[in-house]
Protein backbone atom coordinates (compact mmCIF):
# COMPACT_ATOMS: atom_id res chain seq x y z
CA UNK A 1 3.05 95.23 25.63
CA UNK A 2 3.01 92.90 22.70
CA UNK A 3 1.15 92.74 19.61
CA UNK A 4 -1.31 89.90 20.60
CA UNK A 5 -2.06 91.59 23.79
CA UNK A 6 -2.82 94.73 21.99
CA UNK A 7 -4.90 93.27 19.58
CA UNK A 8 -7.03 91.28 22.30
CA UNK A 9 -7.53 94.61 23.96
CA UNK A 10 -8.60 95.93 20.49
CA UNK A 11 -10.96 93.30 20.05
CA UNK A 12 -13.00 94.20 23.05
CA UNK A 13 -13.84 97.67 21.70
CA UNK A 14 -16.44 98.36 19.18
CA UNK A 15 -14.12 99.94 16.50
CA UNK A 16 -12.78 96.34 14.75
CA UNK A 17 -16.40 95.04 14.78
CA UNK A 18 -17.78 98.22 13.16
CA UNK A 19 -14.79 98.32 10.66
CA UNK A 20 -16.00 94.72 9.83
CA UNK A 21 -19.69 95.52 9.63
CA UNK A 22 -18.65 98.53 7.46
CA UNK A 23 -16.62 96.37 5.02
CA UNK A 24 -19.63 94.06 4.57
CA UNK A 25 -21.89 97.01 3.81
CA UNK A 26 -19.62 98.60 1.16
CA UNK A 27 -19.23 94.79 -0.47
CA UNK A 28 -22.91 94.66 -0.34
CA UNK A 29 -23.51 97.98 -1.71
CA UNK A 30 -21.06 96.88 -4.84
CA UNK A 31 -23.10 93.86 -5.19
CA UNK A 32 -26.44 95.74 -5.42
CA UNK A 33 -24.46 98.48 -7.68
CA UNK A 34 -23.72 95.69 -10.01
CA UNK A 35 -27.13 94.14 -9.90
CA UNK A 36 -29.32 96.99 -10.25
CA UNK A 37 -27.23 99.72 -12.01
CA UNK A 38 -25.03 97.61 -14.22
CA UNK A 39 -27.87 95.17 -14.76
CA UNK A 40 -25.43 92.10 -14.05
CA UNK A 41 -27.71 89.13 -13.10
CA UNK A 42 -26.91 87.51 -10.37
CA UNK A 43 -26.86 83.41 -10.39
CA UNK A 44 -27.43 81.36 -7.75
CA UNK A 45 -23.89 81.14 -6.33
CA UNK A 46 -23.70 84.90 -6.36
CA UNK A 47 -26.72 84.86 -3.97
CA UNK A 48 -25.06 82.13 -2.01
CA UNK A 49 -22.06 83.78 -1.58
CA UNK A 50 -24.09 87.21 -0.80
CA UNK A 51 -25.68 85.11 2.25
CA UNK A 52 -22.25 84.36 3.44
CA UNK A 53 -21.10 88.03 3.27
CA UNK A 54 -24.20 88.79 5.44
CA UNK A 55 -23.20 86.11 7.80
CA UNK A 56 -19.92 87.83 8.54
CA UNK A 57 -22.00 91.14 8.94
CA UNK A 58 -24.00 89.16 11.65
CA UNK A 59 -20.97 88.06 13.20
CA UNK A 60 -19.88 91.77 13.12
CA UNK A 61 -23.19 92.87 14.94
CA UNK A 62 -22.60 90.45 17.41
CA UNK A 63 -19.49 91.43 18.46
CA UNK A 64 -20.52 95.32 18.29
CA UNK A 65 -23.28 94.54 20.66
CA UNK A 66 -21.01 93.22 23.27
CA UNK A 67 -17.39 93.29 22.59
CA UNK A 68 -16.24 92.92 26.13
CA UNK A 69 -18.26 89.77 26.57
CA UNK A 70 -16.14 86.77 26.08
CA UNK A 71 -18.81 84.67 25.03
CA UNK A 72 -20.19 87.29 22.49
CA UNK A 73 -16.77 87.78 21.18
CA UNK A 74 -16.33 84.11 20.65
CA UNK A 75 -19.36 83.81 18.90
CA UNK A 76 -18.82 86.53 16.64
CA UNK A 77 -15.29 85.02 15.91
CA UNK A 78 -16.87 81.70 15.06
CA UNK A 79 -19.69 83.27 13.00
CA UNK A 80 -17.03 85.27 11.05
CA UNK A 81 -14.95 82.11 10.50
CA UNK A 82 -17.58 79.88 9.52
CA UNK A 83 -19.39 82.50 7.22
CA UNK A 84 -15.98 83.34 5.45
CA UNK A 85 -15.05 79.80 5.09
CA UNK A 86 -18.57 78.82 3.49
CA UNK A 87 -18.06 81.86 1.25
CA UNK A 88 -14.61 80.87 0.23
CA UNK A 89 -16.00 77.18 -0.39
CA UNK A 90 -18.59 78.53 -2.29
CA UNK A 91 -16.63 81.07 -4.33
CA UNK A 92 -13.96 78.30 -5.16
CA UNK A 93 -17.12 76.37 -6.58
CA UNK A 94 -18.40 79.37 -8.46
CA UNK A 95 -14.82 79.85 -10.19
CA UNK A 96 -14.83 76.06 -11.14
CA UNK A 97 -18.21 76.55 -12.84
CA UNK A 98 -16.99 79.26 -14.76
CA UNK A 99 -13.55 78.22 -15.81
CA UNK A 100 -14.15 74.29 -16.16
CA UNK A 101 -17.54 74.23 -17.53
CA UNK A 102 -19.09 70.84 -17.96
CA UNK A 103 -22.59 69.70 -18.53
CA UNK A 104 -22.45 67.39 -15.50
CA UNK A 105 -21.33 69.96 -12.93
CA UNK A 106 -23.58 72.92 -12.89
CA UNK A 107 -25.30 75.10 -10.52
CA UNK A 108 -28.93 75.03 -9.47
CA UNK A 109 -31.39 76.95 -11.61
CA UNK A 110 -33.01 78.21 -8.55
CA UNK A 111 -31.99 79.22 -5.03
CA UNK A 112 -33.08 76.90 -2.31
CA UNK A 113 -33.59 78.39 1.14
CA UNK A 114 -35.22 76.75 4.05
CA UNK A 115 -38.70 76.70 4.39
CA UNK A 116 -38.49 78.84 7.43
CA UNK A 117 -36.39 81.51 5.87
CA UNK A 118 -37.40 81.85 2.03
CA UNK A 119 -35.34 84.92 1.56
CA UNK A 120 -35.78 84.95 -2.17
CA UNK A 121 -39.46 85.39 -1.42
CA UNK A 122 -39.08 87.82 1.42
CA UNK A 123 -36.64 90.26 -0.59
CA UNK A 124 -36.31 89.00 -4.03
CA UNK A 125 -34.55 92.32 -5.04
CA UNK A 126 -31.63 90.84 -2.72
CA UNK A 127 -31.81 87.37 -3.12
CA UNK A 128 -33.46 85.95 -6.29
CA UNK A 129 -31.04 84.54 -8.88
CA UNK A 130 -31.62 84.85 -12.74
CA UNK A 131 -28.12 84.61 -14.01
CA UNK A 132 -25.96 81.95 -15.34
CA UNK A 133 -23.30 80.58 -12.93
CA UNK A 134 -20.70 79.61 -15.62
CA UNK A 135 -21.00 83.08 -17.38
CA UNK A 136 -18.32 85.51 -16.77
CA UNK A 137 -19.97 88.79 -16.81
CA UNK A 138 -17.75 91.31 -15.33
CA UNK A 139 -13.74 91.29 -14.89
CA UNK A 140 -11.37 93.68 -12.91
CA UNK A 141 -7.60 93.21 -13.14
CA UNK A 142 -8.35 89.97 -15.29
CA UNK A 143 -10.14 88.23 -12.21
CA UNK A 144 -13.89 87.65 -12.65
CA UNK A 145 -16.53 88.41 -9.82
CA UNK A 146 -16.19 84.89 -7.87
CA UNK A 147 -12.26 85.07 -8.30
CA UNK A 148 -12.38 88.44 -6.53
CA UNK A 149 -14.70 86.61 -3.79
CA UNK A 150 -12.04 84.14 -3.36
CA UNK A 151 -9.52 86.82 -2.43
CA UNK A 152 -11.96 88.88 -0.20
CA UNK A 153 -13.07 85.85 1.65
CA UNK A 154 -9.48 84.48 1.92
CA UNK A 155 -8.49 88.01 3.43
CA UNK A 156 -11.58 87.81 6.04
CA UNK A 157 -10.03 84.43 7.10
CA UNK A 158 -6.70 85.34 7.25
CA UNK A 159 -7.91 88.76 8.94
CA UNK A 160 -9.62 86.56 11.48
CA UNK A 161 -6.46 84.50 12.57
CA UNK A 162 -4.62 87.19 14.52
CA UNK A 163 -8.00 88.16 16.58
CA UNK A 164 -8.36 84.65 17.43
CA UNK A 165 -4.71 83.85 18.42
CA UNK A 166 -5.03 87.56 20.29
CA UNK A 167 -7.67 85.94 22.47
CA UNK A 168 -5.22 83.59 24.24
CA UNK A 169 -2.63 86.37 25.18
CA UNK A 170 -2.16 87.59 28.39
CA UNK A 171 -3.62 90.77 29.05
CA UNK A 172 -1.70 93.56 31.10
């Protein structure tokens, strides 16, 4: 049995989806630790990146509910890819705000969510922004938080590729 066939079988179980969800929970716990314990104020871009993380978590829940369902698996992969891509795009834009500051390109002052889902009003402790997007407030190994998010969202996209390719492999 080849690797792609094995990965296809693996993707039909709950374990990979649970691991994906667990990774999101860990990253969100870190974000909340930075915000509420270390008192680092999240900016608008941080909140949007957080929503993208939750999108990947939602994808994991879809896959976790019905991993044997082809439709659920593909919906999970699509949501995973779309959320990771959006998160990567937002993170790259956030890095640009931090390292190429300009008065002509700044992030919004307030988060804007659709009227039907005002997340910042429902859970302000999780979705309200009060930091400055262009400020580097934390670094680890010389990378700022948005630079780490570029790495993380890229890793999620890279991890998705073999799972998607495996869906086209013949099962034994």
